[in-house]
């Protein structure tokens, strides 16, 4: 039998209670969300966002329904940052149209990426992102996978100077470009870096996360839930009782609280395509976070059950 995320979520009663009081009641609850400061500006943002690499559903009205519901839930529960890319099929198009339908264009922190060679092609793709997301200004554009970094970051800096984007960044994922990424973090200046970090992939904690803190760079974390493989690894293991000590009621919250409790992490951006996942995950930015000793305990427990 396939183990799914839904099967490993613990604390079902709490989730059911949240569902009984619909998220559509509004976002007053956002006042108690955990926020992190963007070092280059001092702006505070909620420490959990949404990644949209699986939003590329095209024109399918049926496939868009859960995405629309999840975005509405995310906003109503206080969420801000949404990360996308022109590389994710039709994700930018779908996201832009759904945000427009929901009337949220001016209420979200929108981040996208450019992954092209050459100034002309990079500029063309960036302009297309503005069009697809239906925005004249965007919060963050990142050089994706460091492709033609020197060329593209210069374009992004010009757009920032013109006021068309607020922040610049660069991304990597998994074990791609570790040496080059670290070199650029040391020698260049961007507002954001995006990298992979999770309880089963802690490599970034050794050098990149401390370096980001030293360099005053905000950190977006991709693959915080390990592309779903973490839930398969956990299987039917019960959530440890001591997780209640940091206000955790599900494995998803356990995994996300581990990531966002790292002092260098600004925002984790797991994919969330169902409203029930949004409700569960957004609880990770409420209540207490694990301290350093508890984080070690979490690592040891996870390592012992996989």
Protein backbone atom coordinates (compact mmCIF):
# COMPACT_ATOMS: atom_id res chain seq x y z
CA UNK A 1 0.00 0.00 0.00
CA UNK A 2 1.31 3.46 -0.88
CA UNK A 3 1.98 5.70 2.10
CA UNK A 4 0.66 9.19 1.41
CA UNK A 5 1.11 12.46 3.22
CA UNK A 6 -2.48 12.32 4.39
CA UNK A 7 -1.93 8.95 6.03
CA UNK A 8 1.02 10.11 8.08
CA UNK A 9 -0.48 13.38 9.34
CA UNK A 10 -1.10 13.01 13.05
CA UNK A 11 -3.35 15.12 15.22
CA UNK A 12 -6.29 14.62 12.91
CA UNK A 13 -8.69 15.98 15.48
CA UNK A 14 -6.94 19.32 15.46
CA UNK A 15 -7.06 19.51 11.67
CA UNK A 16 -10.71 18.50 11.66
CA UNK A 17 -11.46 21.24 14.18
CA UNK A 18 -9.73 23.77 11.96
CA UNK A 19 -11.78 22.59 9.00
CA UNK A 20 -14.98 22.90 11.01
CA UNK A 21 -14.19 26.60 11.43
CA UNK A 22 -13.51 27.49 7.78
CA UNK A 23 -10.38 29.42 6.86
CA UNK A 24 -12.71 31.63 4.86
CA UNK A 25 -13.57 33.43 8.11
CA UNK A 26 -10.59 35.66 7.47
CA UNK A 27 -6.99 36.34 8.32
CA UNK A 28 -7.13 37.94 11.78
CA UNK A 29 -5.18 34.89 12.96
CA UNK A 30 -2.20 36.24 11.03
CA UNK A 31 -1.26 38.42 13.99
CA UNK A 32 0.37 35.51 15.80
CA UNK A 33 2.36 34.09 12.88
CA UNK A 34 6.12 33.65 13.14
CA UNK A 35 7.91 36.18 10.96
CA UNK A 36 11.51 36.64 9.91
CA UNK A 37 13.32 39.79 8.88
CA UNK A 38 14.86 40.30 5.44
CA UNK A 39 18.36 41.51 6.38
CA UNK A 40 18.83 43.95 3.49
CA UNK A 41 15.67 45.92 4.26
CA UNK A 42 14.38 45.06 7.73
CA UNK A 43 11.03 43.98 6.25
CA UNK A 44 9.40 41.12 8.14
CA UNK A 45 7.67 38.29 6.29
CA UNK A 46 5.85 35.15 7.43
CA UNK A 47 8.31 32.26 7.68
CA UNK A 48 6.26 29.89 5.52
CA UNK A 49 5.45 30.40 1.85
CA UNK A 50 4.30 28.35 -1.14
CA UNK A 51 6.33 26.78 -3.93
CA UNK A 52 4.47 26.39 -7.23
CA UNK A 53 6.56 24.03 -9.36
CA UNK A 54 3.49 21.81 -9.74
CA UNK A 55 1.02 24.56 -10.65
CA UNK A 56 1.49 23.98 -14.36
CA UNK A 57 -1.99 22.59 -14.99
CA UNK A 58 -2.68 24.68 -18.07
CA UNK A 59 -6.24 25.68 -18.88
CA UNK A 60 -7.92 22.81 -16.99
CA UNK A 61 -10.69 24.39 -14.94
CA UNK A 62 -11.01 21.23 -12.86
CA UNK A 63 -7.31 21.10 -12.02
CA UNK A 64 -7.34 24.76 -11.03
CA UNK A 65 -10.06 24.37 -8.40
CA UNK A 66 -7.86 22.98 -5.59
CA UNK A 67 -5.11 25.46 -6.46
CA UNK A 68 -7.55 28.36 -6.16
CA UNK A 69 -8.80 27.01 -2.84
CA UNK A 70 -5.30 26.51 -1.49
CA UNK A 71 -4.24 30.05 -2.48
CA UNK A 72 -7.36 31.51 -0.85
CA UNK A 73 -6.65 29.52 2.30
CA UNK A 74 -3.00 30.57 2.31
CA UNK A 75 -3.92 34.24 2.13
CA UNK A 76 -6.75 34.00 4.65
CA UNK A 77 -4.44 32.28 7.14
CA UNK A 78 -1.89 35.06 6.82
CA UNK A 79 0.50 33.67 4.20
CA UNK A 80 2.48 36.05 2.05
CA UNK A 81 5.34 34.68 -0.07
CA UNK A 82 4.70 32.65 -3.22
CA UNK A 83 7.64 31.39 -5.27
CA UNK A 84 7.32 30.45 -8.93
CA UNK A 85 9.33 30.34 -12.16
CA UNK A 86 8.85 30.59 -15.90
CA UNK A 87 10.60 27.20 -15.97
CA UNK A 88 7.64 25.51 -14.25
CA UNK A 89 5.55 24.97 -17.36
CA UNK A 90 2.38 27.07 -17.16
CA UNK A 91 2.77 27.73 -13.42
CA UNK A 92 3.36 31.47 -13.80
CA UNK A 93 0.33 31.81 -16.06
CA UNK A 94 -1.93 29.79 -13.77
CA UNK A 95 -0.70 31.58 -10.66
CA UNK A 96 -1.14 35.01 -12.20
CA UNK A 97 -4.68 34.27 -13.33
CA UNK A 98 -5.73 32.71 -10.00
CA UNK A 99 -4.31 35.59 -8.00
CA UNK A 100 -6.13 38.02 -10.28
CA UNK A 101 -9.41 36.11 -9.87
CA UNK A 102 -9.02 36.14 -6.09
CA UNK A 103 -8.14 39.83 -6.01
CA UNK A 104 -4.86 39.20 -4.20
CA UNK A 105 -2.42 40.87 -6.58
CA UNK A 106 -1.41 43.56 -4.08
CA UNK A 107 -1.52 41.39 -0.96
CA UNK A 108 1.16 38.78 -1.66
CA UNK A 109 4.95 38.70 -1.85
CA UNK A 110 5.61 37.34 -5.35
CA UNK A 111 8.94 35.76 -6.25
CA UNK A 112 9.94 34.34 -9.61
CA UNK A 113 13.13 33.42 -11.47
CA UNK A 114 15.06 33.81 -14.71
CA UNK A 115 17.00 30.91 -16.22
CA UNK A 116 18.34 31.96 -19.61
CA UNK A 117 21.59 32.69 -21.45
CA UNK A 118 22.29 36.19 -22.70
CA UNK A 119 21.02 39.62 -21.75
CA UNK A 120 18.38 39.91 -24.47
CA UNK A 121 16.84 36.52 -23.78
CA UNK A 122 16.98 37.02 -20.03
CA UNK A 123 15.27 40.40 -20.32
CA UNK A 124 12.60 38.92 -22.57
CA UNK A 125 11.80 36.20 -20.05
CA UNK A 126 11.71 38.65 -17.16
CA UNK A 127 9.26 40.89 -19.04
CA UNK A 128 7.13 37.85 -19.77
CA UNK A 129 7.03 37.09 -16.04
CA UNK A 130 5.65 40.55 -15.34
CA UNK A 131 2.96 39.91 -17.95
CA UNK A 132 2.10 36.40 -16.76
CA UNK A 133 1.86 37.44 -13.13
CA UNK A 134 -0.12 40.53 -14.13
CA UNK A 135 2.14 42.85 -12.16
CA UNK A 136 4.04 46.02 -13.01
CA UNK A 137 6.38 45.41 -10.09
CA UNK A 138 7.51 42.17 -8.46
CA UNK A 139 8.93 41.56 -5.01
CA UNK A 140 11.78 39.23 -5.93
CA UNK A 141 13.40 37.84 -9.07
CA UNK A 142 16.14 35.25 -8.70
CA UNK A 143 18.80 33.95 -11.08
CA UNK A 144 17.71 30.33 -11.33
CA UNK A 145 20.40 27.63 -10.93
CA UNK A 146 23.08 30.32 -11.41
CA UNK A 147 22.58 30.18 -15.20
CA UNK A 148 24.54 33.08 -16.75
CA UNK A 149 24.60 34.66 -13.31
CA UNK A 150 26.79 37.68 -14.06
CA UNK A 151 24.63 38.75 -17.01
CA UNK A 152 21.24 38.16 -15.42
CA UNK A 153 22.04 39.66 -12.02
CA UNK A 154 23.10 42.88 -13.74
CA UNK A 155 19.70 43.08 -15.44
CA UNK A 156 17.96 42.43 -12.13
CA UNK A 157 19.97 45.13 -10.40
CA UNK A 158 18.93 47.61 -13.08
CA UNK A 159 15.28 46.65 -12.58
CA UNK A 160 15.69 47.09 -8.84
CA UNK A 161 17.19 50.53 -9.35
CA UNK A 162 14.19 51.40 -11.55
CA UNK A 163 11.79 50.25 -8.82
CA UNK A 164 10.34 47.40 -10.86
CA UNK A 165 11.58 44.71 -8.46
CA UNK A 166 12.26 45.05 -4.77
CA UNK A 167 14.82 42.29 -4.20
CA UNK A 168 17.36 40.24 -6.15
CA UNK A 169 18.38 36.65 -5.51
CA UNK A 170 19.92 33.43 -6.76
CA UNK A 171 18.91 29.80 -6.40
CA UNK A 172 20.23 26.29 -6.25
CA UNK A 173 18.65 22.95 -5.36
CA UNK A 174 19.88 19.66 -3.98
CA UNK A 175 23.60 19.19 -4.52
CA UNK A 176 23.83 21.34 -7.66
CA UNK A 177 26.56 24.01 -7.89
CA UNK A 178 27.68 23.87 -4.21
CA UNK A 179 31.15 25.33 -4.82
CA UNK A 180 30.00 28.04 -7.24
CA UNK A 181 27.03 28.95 -5.06
CA UNK A 182 29.24 29.43 -2.02
CA UNK A 183 31.76 31.43 -4.07
CA UNK A 184 29.07 33.81 -5.30
CA UNK A 185 27.65 34.17 -1.80
CA UNK A 186 31.10 35.29 -0.66
CA UNK A 187 31.91 37.60 -3.56
CA UNK A 188 28.58 38.97 -4.77
CA UNK A 189 25.70 40.75 -3.07
CA UNK A 190 22.09 39.64 -3.43
CA UNK A 191 19.12 40.10 -1.11
CA UNK A 192 18.01 36.45 -1.16
CA UNK A 193 19.52 33.02 -1.66
CA UNK A 194 17.35 29.96 -2.23
CA UNK A 195 18.66 26.51 -1.38
CA UNK A 196 17.65 23.04 -0.22
CA UNK A 197 17.49 22.19 3.47
CA UNK A 198 15.50 19.61 5.40
CA UNK A 199 15.84 17.24 8.32
CA UNK A 200 17.20 14.56 5.99
CA UNK A 201 19.42 16.93 3.97
CA UNK A 202 21.35 19.09 6.43
CA UNK A 203 24.30 19.94 4.22
CA UNK A 204 23.39 23.61 3.98
CA UNK A 205 23.73 23.97 7.75
CA UNK A 206 27.46 23.32 7.58
CA UNK A 207 28.50 26.29 5.42
CA UNK A 208 25.76 27.97 3.38
CA UNK A 209 23.32 28.89 6.14
CA UNK A 210 25.99 30.38 8.42
CA UNK A 211 27.44 32.21 5.42
CA UNK A 212 24.03 33.68 4.54
CA UNK A 213 23.72 34.97 8.10
CA UNK A 214 27.20 36.47 7.96
CA UNK A 215 26.56 38.11 4.59
CA UNK A 216 23.13 39.48 5.51
CA UNK A 217 21.22 37.43 2.95
CA UNK A 218 17.66 36.22 3.39
CA UNK A 219 17.20 32.47 2.85
CA UNK A 220 14.34 30.73 1.05
CA UNK A 221 14.33 26.97 1.59
CA UNK A 222 13.15 24.65 -1.15
CA UNK A 223 12.56 20.90 -0.65
CA UNK A 224 11.85 21.44 3.05
CA UNK A 225 9.60 18.37 2.89
CA UNK A 226 11.99 16.44 0.67
CA UNK A 227 9.67 16.30 -2.37
CA UNK A 228 7.38 14.02 -0.37
CA UNK A 229 10.00 11.34 0.25
CA UNK A 230 10.18 12.28 3.92
CA UNK A 231 6.61 11.14 4.44
CA UNK A 232 7.39 7.83 2.78
CA UNK A 233 10.42 7.45 5.05
CA UNK A 234 8.35 8.18 8.15
CA UNK A 235 5.63 5.77 7.09
CA UNK A 236 3.26 4.90 9.93
CA UNK A 237 5.57 6.00 12.73
CA UNK A 238 3.67 7.92 15.41
CA UNK A 239 4.51 11.52 16.08
CA UNK A 240 6.60 11.63 19.29
CA UNK A 241 4.67 12.92 22.30
CA UNK A 242 7.39 15.44 23.08
CA UNK A 243 6.58 17.27 19.82
CA UNK A 244 3.86 18.98 21.85
CA UNK A 245 6.64 20.87 23.64
CA UNK A 246 6.97 23.05 20.55
CA UNK A 247 3.27 23.13 19.65
CA UNK A 248 3.49 20.48 16.94
CA UNK A 249 0.52 18.25 16.06
CA UNK A 250 1.55 16.65 12.75
CA UNK A 251 4.61 15.28 10.98
CA UNK A 252 4.41 18.08 8.42
CA UNK A 253 4.61 20.66 11.17
CA UNK A 254 7.48 18.70 12.74
CA UNK A 255 9.48 18.83 9.50
CA UNK A 256 8.70 22.47 8.79
CA UNK A 257 9.34 23.68 12.33
CA UNK A 258 12.73 22.00 12.14
CA UNK A 259 13.59 24.02 9.02
CA UNK A 260 12.24 27.42 10.02
CA UNK A 261 13.72 27.18 13.52
CA UNK A 262 17.21 27.48 12.02
CA UNK A 263 18.15 31.09 12.79
CA UNK A 264 19.42 31.77 9.26
CA UNK A 265 16.22 30.62 7.51
CA UNK A 266 13.84 33.35 6.43
CA UNK A 267 11.06 31.35 4.77
CA UNK A 268 10.41 27.73 3.78
CA UNK A 269 8.46 27.25 0.54
CA UNK A 270 6.91 23.76 0.34
CA UNK A 271 4.46 22.95 -2.41
CA UNK A 272 0.86 23.17 -1.20
CA UNK A 273 -1.86 22.32 -3.69
CA UNK A 274 -4.64 21.40 -1.28
CA UNK A 275 -6.36 23.66 1.26
CA UNK A 276 -6.04 20.96 3.94
CA UNK A 277 -2.26 20.94 3.45
CA UNK A 278 -2.20 24.73 3.78
CA UNK A 279 -4.11 24.55 7.07
CA UNK A 280 -1.78 21.89 8.44
CA UNK A 281 1.42 23.56 7.27
CA UNK A 282 0.51 27.07 8.37
CA UNK A 283 0.30 25.78 11.94
CA UNK A 284 4.09 25.39 11.71
CA UNK A 285 4.45 29.17 11.95
CA UNK A 286 2.39 29.42 15.11
CA UNK A 287 3.32 28.73 18.70
CA UNK A 288 6.75 27.70 19.89
CA UNK A 289 9.70 26.63 17.79
CA UNK A 290 12.29 24.04 18.83
CA UNK A 291 15.48 25.39 20.40
CA UNK A 292 18.96 24.07 19.55
CA UNK A 293 18.74 21.15 21.99
CA UNK A 294 15.33 20.16 20.70
CA UNK A 295 16.52 20.38 17.10
CA UNK A 296 19.25 17.85 17.94
CA UNK A 297 16.64 15.61 19.52
CA UNK A 298 14.49 15.89 16.39
CA UNK A 299 17.44 14.91 14.19
CA UNK A 300 18.28 11.92 16.37
CA UNK A 301 14.67 10.76 16.43
CA UNK A 302 14.26 11.09 12.68
CA UNK A 303 17.52 9.24 12.03
CA UNK A 304 16.40 6.42 14.32
CA UNK A 305 13.12 5.75 12.49
CA UNK A 306 14.18 5.80 8.86
